[in-house]
C-alpha cells in the first residue's frame, strides 16, 4: 500500500521539520518538578514541544522548582510519559 501511495501523482514526502509544522509543534516533551513546603512535589508534563522548548522547560530553576527531564526521539522509552 505504501508503494501505491508514493506513486500518486503530485505527492510530496515531507521532511521531519515539515511534518512537525503540519502537526502543530514539535515532537519533544518535558517533565518539571515543583516542590511544596511540606516536601512533596508536583510533576508537570508538557508534550508537543520543540527541542529548545523542551530543554528550556526541563532546565528551568525558579523558586521551589527543580530541574526535570526532556526527550525528543527517545520519548518512546521515557517512563514518565
PDB file of N, CA and C in Angstrom:
ATOM      1  N   UNK A   1       0.825  -1.192   0.000  1.00  0.00           N
ATOM      2  CA  UNK A   1       0.000   0.000   0.000  1.00  0.00           C
ATOM      3  C   UNK A   1       0.870   1.258   0.000  1.00  0.00           C
ATOM      4  N   UNK A   2       1.976   1.248   0.782  1.00  0.00           N
ATOM      5  CA  UNK A   2       2.860   2.408   0.821  1.00  0.00           C
ATOM      6  C   UNK A   2       3.399   2.722  -0.568  1.00  0.00           C
ATOM      7  N   UNK A   3       3.770   1.695  -1.326  1.00  0.00           N
ATOM      8  CA  UNK A   3       4.269   1.924  -2.686  1.00  0.00           C
ATOM      9  C   UNK A   3       3.203   2.588  -3.534  1.00  0.00           C
ATOM     10  N   UNK A   4       1.949   2.175  -3.397  1.00  0.00           N
ATOM     11  CA  UNK A   4       0.856   2.781  -4.154  1.00  0.00           C
ATOM     12  C   UNK A   4       0.697   4.252  -3.791  1.00  0.00           C
ATOM     13  N   UNK A   5       0.804   4.551  -2.512  1.00  0.00           N
ATOM     14  CA  UNK A   5       0.672   5.940  -2.063  1.00  0.00           C
ATOM     15  C   UNK A   5       1.818   6.781  -2.612  1.00  0.00           C
ATOM     16  N   UNK A   6       3.050   6.250  -2.540  1.00  0.00           N
ATOM     17  CA  UNK A   6       4.208   7.009  -3.001  1.00  0.00           C
ATOM     18  C   UNK A   6       4.203   7.222  -4.509  1.00  0.00           C
ATOM     19  N   UNK A   7       3.452   6.420  -5.238  1.00  0.00           N
ATOM     20  CA  UNK A   7       3.381   6.558  -6.693  1.00  0.00           C
ATOM     21  C   UNK A   7       2.291   7.516  -7.144  1.00  0.00           C
ATOM     22  N   UNK A   8       1.538   8.103  -6.226  1.00  0.00           N
ATOM     23  CA  UNK A   8       0.491   9.043  -6.589  1.00  0.00           C
ATOM     24  C   UNK A   8       1.108  10.297  -7.201  1.00  0.00           C
ATOM     25  N   UNK A   9       0.496  10.768  -8.244  1.00  0.00           N
ATOM     26  CA  UNK A   9       0.997  11.962  -8.920  1.00  0.00           C
ATOM     27  C   UNK A   9       0.820  13.185  -8.026  1.00  0.00           C
ATOM     28  N   UNK A  10       1.865  13.998  -7.927  1.00  0.00           N
ATOM     29  CA  UNK A  10       1.812  15.226  -7.146  1.00  0.00           C
ATOM     30  C   UNK A  10       2.082  15.040  -5.659  1.00  0.00           C
ATOM     31  N   UNK A  11       2.386  13.823  -5.255  1.00  0.00           N
ATOM     32  CA  UNK A  11       2.658  13.557  -3.845  1.00  0.00           C
ATOM     33  C   UNK A  11       4.033  14.070  -3.458  1.00  0.00           C
ATOM     34  N   UNK A  12       4.132  14.688  -2.297  1.00  0.00           N
ATOM     35  CA  UNK A  12       5.406  15.142  -1.763  1.00  0.00           C
ATOM     36  C   UNK A  12       5.623  14.484  -0.408  1.00  0.00           C
ATOM     37  N   UNK A  13       6.766  13.846  -0.229  1.00  0.00           N
ATOM     38  CA  UNK A  13       7.117  13.267   1.058  1.00  0.00           C
ATOM     39  C   UNK A  13       7.751  14.376   1.886  1.00  0.00           C
ATOM     40  N   UNK A  14       7.176  14.622   3.067  1.00  0.00           N
ATOM     41  CA  UNK A  14       7.642  15.723   3.911  1.00  0.00           C
ATOM     42  C   UNK A  14       8.855  15.317   4.736  1.00  0.00           C
ATOM     43  N   UNK A  15       9.768  16.268   4.880  1.00  0.00           N
ATOM     44  CA  UNK A  15      10.901  16.086   5.782  1.00  0.00           C
ATOM     45  C   UNK A  15      10.387  16.210   7.217  1.00  0.00           C
ATOM     46  N   UNK A  16      11.204  15.794   8.178  1.00  0.00           N
ATOM     47  CA  UNK A  16      10.791  15.793   9.585  1.00  0.00           C
ATOM     48  C   UNK A  16      10.349  17.182  10.057  1.00  0.00           C
ATOM     49  N   UNK A  17      11.089  18.228   9.708  1.00  0.00           N
ATOM     50  CA  UNK A  17      10.723  19.594  10.125  1.00  0.00           C
ATOM     51  C   UNK A  17       9.363  19.987   9.560  1.00  0.00           C
ATOM     52  N   UNK A  18       9.105  19.606   8.307  1.00  0.00           N
ATOM     53  CA  UNK A  18       7.828  19.914   7.688  1.00  0.00           C
ATOM     54  C   UNK A  18       6.703  19.158   8.379  1.00  0.00           C
ATOM     55  N   UNK A  19       6.951  17.912   8.767  1.00  0.00           N
ATOM     56  CA  UNK A  19       5.950  17.124   9.472  1.00  0.00           C
ATOM     57  C   UNK A  19       5.624  17.760  10.813  1.00  0.00           C
ATOM     58  N   UNK A  20       6.641  18.251  11.512  1.00  0.00           N
ATOM     59  CA  UNK A  20       6.415  18.915  12.798  1.00  0.00           C
ATOM     60  C   UNK A  20       5.530  20.132  12.618  1.00  0.00           C
ATOM     61  N   UNK A  21       5.764  20.887  11.552  1.00  0.00           N
ATOM     62  CA  UNK A  21       4.977  22.078  11.279  1.00  0.00           C
ATOM     63  C   UNK A  21       3.518  21.714  11.022  1.00  0.00           C
ATOM     64  N   UNK A  22       3.295  20.682  10.246  1.00  0.00           N
ATOM     65  CA  UNK A  22       1.940  20.232   9.937  1.00  0.00           C
ATOM     66  C   UNK A  22       1.241  19.748  11.200  1.00  0.00           C
ATOM     67  N   UNK A  23       1.979  19.059  12.061  1.00  0.00           N
ATOM     68  CA  UNK A  23       1.405  18.508  13.290  1.00  0.00           C
ATOM     69  C   UNK A  23       1.198  19.569  14.364  1.00  0.00           C
ATOM     70  N   UNK A  24       1.594  20.803  14.103  1.00  0.00           N
ATOM     71  CA  UNK A  24       1.333  21.895  15.029  1.00  0.00           C
ATOM     72  C   UNK A  24       2.307  22.011  16.172  1.00  0.00           C
ATOM     73  N   UNK A  25       3.534  21.632  15.972  1.00  0.00           N
ATOM     74  CA  UNK A  25       4.504  21.795  17.044  1.00  0.00           C
ATOM     75  C   UNK A  25       5.676  20.879  16.883  1.00  0.00           C
ATOM     76  N   UNK A  26       6.218  20.470  17.977  1.00  0.00           N
ATOM     77  CA  UNK A  26       7.398  19.636  17.948  1.00  0.00           C
ATOM     78  C   UNK A  26       7.089  18.208  18.315  1.00  0.00           C
ATOM     79  N   UNK A  27       8.132  17.471  18.468  1.00  0.00           N
ATOM     80  CA  UNK A  27       7.986  16.069  18.809  1.00  0.00           C
ATOM     81  C   UNK A  27       8.680  15.765  20.134  1.00  0.00           C
ATOM     82  N   UNK A  28       8.917  16.779  20.919  1.00  0.00           N
ATOM     83  CA  UNK A  28       9.625  16.609  22.184  1.00  0.00           C
ATOM     84  C   UNK A  28       8.675  16.790  23.362  1.00  0.00           C
ATOM     85  N   UNK A  29       9.148  16.388  24.541  1.00  0.00           N
ATOM     86  CA  UNK A  29       8.353  16.516  25.759  1.00  0.00           C
ATOM     87  C   UNK A  29       9.281  16.835  26.924  1.00  0.00           C
ATOM     88  N   UNK A  30       8.694  17.346  28.003  1.00  0.00           N
ATOM     89  CA  UNK A  30       9.488  17.622  29.204  1.00  0.00           C
ATOM     90  C   UNK A  30       8.647  17.333  30.443  1.00  0.00           C
ATOM     91  N   UNK A  31       9.345  17.131  31.541  1.00  0.00           N
ATOM     92  CA  UNK A  31       8.695  16.994  32.845  1.00  0.00           C
ATOM     93  C   UNK A  31       9.455  17.888  33.817  1.00  0.00           C
ATOM     94  N   UNK A  32       8.699  18.654  34.624  1.00  0.00           N
ATOM     95  CA  UNK A  32       9.296  19.532  35.625  1.00  0.00           C
ATOM     96  C   UNK A  32       8.739  19.156  36.983  1.00  0.00           C
ATOM     97  N   UNK A  33       9.487  19.453  38.014  1.00  0.00           N
ATOM     98  CA  UNK A  33       9.049  19.157  39.375  1.00  0.00           C
ATOM     99  C   UNK A  33       9.049  20.436  40.215  1.00  0.00           C
ATOM    100  N   UNK A  34       7.932  20.676  40.882  1.00  0.00           N
ATOM    101  CA  UNK A  34       7.813  21.819  41.786  1.00  0.00           C
ATOM    102  C   UNK A  34       7.624  21.279  43.198  1.00  0.00           C
ATOM    103  N   UNK A  35       8.516  21.685  44.089  1.00  0.00           N
ATOM    104  CA  UNK A  35       8.461  21.206  45.472  1.00  0.00           C
ATOM    105  C   UNK A  35       7.581  22.110  46.325  1.00  0.00           C
ATOM    106  N   UNK A  36       6.761  21.476  47.138  1.00  0.00           N
ATOM    107  CA  UNK A  36       5.865  22.189  48.046  1.00  0.00           C
ATOM    108  C   UNK A  36       6.563  22.351  49.401  1.00  0.00           C
ATOM    109  N   UNK A  37       6.011  23.194  50.264  1.00  0.00           N
ATOM    110  CA  UNK A  37       6.612  23.464  51.573  1.00  0.00           C
ATOM    111  C   UNK A  37       6.691  22.213  52.445  1.00  0.00           C
ATOM    112  N   UNK A  38       5.760  21.273  52.253  1.00  0.00           N
ATOM    113  CA  UNK A  38       5.756  20.067  53.083  1.00  0.00           C
ATOM    114  C   UNK A  38       6.689  18.968  52.556  1.00  0.00           C
ATOM    115  N   UNK A  39       7.452  19.276  51.508  1.00  0.00           N
ATOM    116  CA  UNK A  39       8.402  18.314  50.969  1.00  0.00           C
ATOM    117  C   UNK A  39       7.875  17.468  49.826  1.00  0.00           C
ATOM    118  N   UNK A  40       6.583  17.528  49.583  1.00  0.00           N
ATOM    119  CA  UNK A  40       6.027  16.806  48.433  1.00  0.00           C
ATOM    120  C   UNK A  40       6.294  17.602  47.163  1.00  0.00           C
ATOM    121  N   UNK A  41       6.060  17.000  46.037  1.00  0.00           N
ATOM    122  CA  UNK A  41       6.259  17.730  44.794  1.00  0.00           C
ATOM    123  C   UNK A  41       5.185  17.390  43.774  1.00  0.00           C
ATOM    124  N   UNK A  42       5.009  18.290  42.833  1.00  0.00           N
ATOM    125  CA  UNK A  42       4.064  18.145  41.742  1.00  0.00           C
ATOM    126  C   UNK A  42       4.877  18.013  40.463  1.00  0.00           C
ATOM    127  N   UNK A  43       4.491  17.082  39.610  1.00  0.00           N
ATOM    128  CA  UNK A  43       5.163  16.932  38.320  1.00  0.00           C
ATOM    129  C   UNK A  43       4.261  17.479  37.220  1.00  0.00           C
ATOM    130  N   UNK A  44       4.847  18.247  36.336  1.00  0.00           N
ATOM    131  CA  UNK A  44       4.114  18.826  35.215  1.00  0.00           C
ATOM    132  C   UNK A  44       4.751  18.318  33.924  1.00  0.00           C
ATOM    133  N   UNK A  45       3.953  17.640  33.111  1.00  0.00           N
ATOM    134  CA  UNK A  45       4.430  17.092  31.844  1.00  0.00           C
ATOM    135  C   UNK A  45       3.874  17.939  30.700  1.00  0.00           C
ATOM    136  N   UNK A  46       4.750  18.319  29.792  1.00  0.00           N
ATOM    137  CA  UNK A  46       4.333  19.055  28.594  1.00  0.00           C
ATOM    138  C   UNK A  46       4.739  18.246  27.371  1.00  0.00           C
ATOM    139  N   UNK A  47       3.868  18.195  26.384  1.00  0.00           N
ATOM    140  CA  UNK A  47       4.134  17.442  25.157  1.00  0.00           C
ATOM    141  C   UNK A  47       4.056  18.376  23.952  1.00  0.00           C
ATOM    142  N   UNK A  48       4.462  17.870  22.804  1.00  0.00           N
ATOM    143  CA  UNK A  48       4.428  18.613  21.537  1.00  0.00           C
ATOM    144  C   UNK A  48       5.265  19.888  21.593  1.00  0.00           C
ATOM    145  N   UNK A  49       6.431  19.784  22.177  1.00  0.00           N
ATOM    146  CA  UNK A  49       7.347  20.917  22.275  1.00  0.00           C
ATOM    147  C   UNK A  49       8.438  20.799  21.222  1.00  0.00           C
ATOM    148  N   UNK A  50       9.008  21.937  20.866  1.00  0.00           N
ATOM    149  CA  UNK A  50      10.211  21.901  20.047  1.00  0.00           C
ATOM    150  C   UNK A  50      11.369  21.469  20.944  1.00  0.00           C
ATOM    151  N   UNK A  51      12.487  21.158  20.351  1.00  0.00           N
ATOM    152  CA  UNK A  51      13.657  20.738  21.127  1.00  0.00           C
ATOM    153  C   UNK A  51      14.058  21.826  22.131  1.00  0.00           C
ATOM    154  N   UNK A  52      14.121  23.076  21.670  1.00  0.00           N
ATOM    155  CA  UNK A  52      14.511  24.179  22.555  1.00  0.00           C
ATOM    156  C   UNK A  52      13.507  24.387  23.683  1.00  0.00           C
ATOM    157  N   UNK A  53      12.209  24.299  23.361  1.00  0.00           N
ATOM    158  CA  UNK A  53      11.189  24.469  24.400  1.00  0.00           C
ATOM    159  C   UNK A  53      11.306  23.380  25.465  1.00  0.00           C
ATOM    160  N   UNK A  54      11.523  22.145  25.030  1.00  0.00           N
ATOM    161  CA  UNK A  54      11.645  21.033  25.979  1.00  0.00           C
ATOM    162  C   UNK A  54      12.859  21.216  26.878  1.00  0.00           C
ATOM    163  N   UNK A  55      13.983  21.584  26.286  1.00  0.00           N
ATOM    164  CA  UNK A  55      15.204  21.799  27.057  1.00  0.00           C
ATOM    165  C   UNK A  55      15.011  22.931  28.064  1.00  0.00           C
ATOM    166  N   UNK A  56      14.485  24.066  27.605  1.00  0.00           N
ATOM    167  CA  UNK A  56      14.293  25.220  28.492  1.00  0.00           C
ATOM    168  C   UNK A  56      13.316  24.900  29.614  1.00  0.00           C
ATOM    169  N   UNK A  57      12.269  24.170  29.299  1.00  0.00           N
ATOM    170  CA  UNK A  57      11.283  23.804  30.303  1.00  0.00           C
ATOM    171  C   UNK A  57      11.890  22.893  31.365  1.00  0.00           C
ATOM    172  N   UNK A  58      12.638  21.901  30.946  1.00  0.00           N
ATOM    173  CA  UNK A  58      13.203  20.929  31.886  1.00  0.00           C
ATOM    174  C   UNK A  58      14.336  21.499  32.719  1.00  0.00           C
ATOM    175  N   UNK A  59      14.976  22.546  32.254  1.00  0.00           N
ATOM    176  CA  UNK A  59      16.114  23.101  32.986  1.00  0.00           C
ATOM    177  C   UNK A  59      15.763  24.391  33.725  1.00  0.00           C
ATOM    178  N   UNK A  60      14.476  24.771  33.733  1.00  0.00           N
ATOM    179  CA  UNK A  60      14.039  25.965  34.457  1.00  0.00           C
ATOM    180  C   UNK A  60      14.302  25.771  35.942  1.00  0.00           C
ATOM    181  N   UNK A  61      14.813  26.784  36.596  1.00  0.00           N
ATOM    182  CA  UNK A  61      15.140  26.665  38.023  1.00  0.00           C
ATOM    183  C   UNK A  61      14.660  27.896  38.776  1.00  0.00           C
ATOM    184  N   UNK A  62      13.364  28.045  38.889  1.00  0.00           N
ATOM    185  CA  UNK A  62      12.803  29.141  39.666  1.00  0.00           C
ATOM    186  C   UNK A  62      12.625  28.727  41.116  1.00  0.00           C
ATOM    187  N   UNK A  63      11.989  29.595  41.899  1.00  0.00           N
ATOM    188  CA  UNK A  63      11.767  29.300  43.309  1.00  0.00           C
ATOM    189  C   UNK A  63      10.919  28.043  43.453  1.00  0.00           C
ATOM    190  N   UNK A  64      11.380  27.098  44.248  1.00  0.00           N
ATOM    191  CA  UNK A  64      10.709  25.822  44.503  1.00  0.00           C
ATOM    192  C   UNK A  64      10.637  24.899  43.281  1.00  0.00           C
ATOM    193  N   UNK A  65      11.313  25.244  42.206  1.00  0.00           N
ATOM    194  CA  UNK A  65      11.300  24.396  41.013  1.00  0.00           C
ATOM    195  C   UNK A  65      12.620  23.660  40.931  1.00  0.00           C
ATOM    196  N   UNK A  66      12.542  22.406  40.662  1.00  0.00           N
ATOM    197  CA  UNK A  66      13.742  21.602  40.423  1.00  0.00           C
ATOM    198  C   UNK A  66      13.763  21.255  38.944  1.00  0.00           C
ATOM    199  N   UNK A  67      14.918  21.077  38.416  1.00  0.00           N
ATOM    200  CA  UNK A  67      15.016  20.682  37.020  1.00  0.00           C
ATOM    201  C   UNK A  67      14.261  19.397  36.766  1.00  0.00           C
ATOM    202  N   UNK A  68      14.040  19.129  35.529  1.00  0.00           N
ATOM    203  CA  UNK A  68      13.305  17.938  35.166  1.00  0.00           C
ATOM    204  C   UNK A  68      14.046  17.137  34.118  1.00  0.00           C
ATOM    205  N   UNK A  69      13.299  16.516  33.270  1.00  0.00           N
ATOM    206  CA  UNK A  69      13.845  15.718  32.185  1.00  0.00           C
ATOM    207  C   UNK A  69      13.192  16.141  30.891  1.00  0.00           C
ATOM    208  N   UNK A  70      13.852  15.857  29.794  1.00  0.00           N
ATOM    209  CA  UNK A  70      13.254  16.134  28.497  1.00  0.00           C
ATOM    210  C   UNK A  70      13.706  15.068  27.518  1.00  0.00           C
ATOM    211  N   UNK A  71      12.940  14.913  26.453  1.00  0.00           N
ATOM    212  CA  UNK A  71      13.267  13.920  25.438  1.00  0.00           C
ATOM    213  C   UNK A  71      12.713  14.371  24.093  1.00  0.00           C
ATOM    214  N   UNK A  72      13.275  13.837  23.052  1.00  0.00           N
ATOM    215  CA  UNK A  72      12.743  14.048  21.701  1.00  0.00           C
ATOM    216  C   UNK A  72      12.586  12.674  21.055  1.00  0.00           C
ATOM    217  N   UNK A  73      13.576  12.258  20.324  1.00  0.00           N
ATOM    218  CA  UNK A  73      13.471  10.968  19.646  1.00  0.00           C
ATOM    219  C   UNK A  73      13.430   9.800  20.621  1.00  0.00           C
ATOM    220  N   UNK A  74      13.892  10.009  21.846  1.00  0.00           N
ATOM    221  CA  UNK A  74      13.895   8.930  22.846  1.00  0.00           C
ATOM    222  C   UNK A  74      12.627   8.901  23.675  1.00  0.00           C
ATOM    223  N   UNK A  75      11.627   9.705  23.329  1.00  0.00           N
ATOM    224  CA  UNK A  75      10.410   9.778  24.139  1.00  0.00           C
ATOM    225  C   UNK A  75       9.685   8.443  24.235  1.00  0.00           C
ATOM    226  N   UNK A  76       9.849   7.587  23.257  1.00  0.00           N
ATOM    227  CA  UNK A  76       9.189   6.293  23.302  1.00  0.00           C
ATOM    228  C   UNK A  76       9.617   5.450  24.485  1.00  0.00           C
ATOM    229  N   UNK A  77      10.812   5.701  24.991  1.00  0.00           N
ATOM    230  CA  UNK A  77      11.306   4.923  26.134  1.00  0.00           C
ATOM    231  C   UNK A  77      11.283   5.729  27.431  1.00  0.00           C
ATOM    232  N   UNK A  78      10.690   6.903  27.420  1.00  0.00           N
ATOM    233  CA  UNK A  78      10.622   7.735  28.631  1.00  0.00           C
ATOM    234  C   UNK A  78       9.551   7.176  29.552  1.00  0.00           C
ATOM    235  N   UNK A  79       9.936   6.738  30.727  1.00  0.00           N
ATOM    236  CA  UNK A  79       8.994   6.107  31.657  1.00  0.00           C
ATOM    237  C   UNK A  79       7.976   7.120  32.202  1.00  0.00           C
ATOM    238  N   UNK A  80       8.264   8.403  32.140  1.00  0.00           N
ATOM    239  CA  UNK A  80       7.376   9.406  32.722  1.00  0.00           C
ATOM    240  C   UNK A  80       6.304   9.900  31.760  1.00  0.00           C
ATOM    241  N   UNK A  81       6.265   9.394  30.546  1.00  0.00           N
ATOM    242  CA  UNK A  81       5.207   9.800  29.601  1.00  0.00           C
ATOM    243  C   UNK A  81       4.082   8.815  29.588  1.00  0.00           C
TER     244      UNK A  81
END
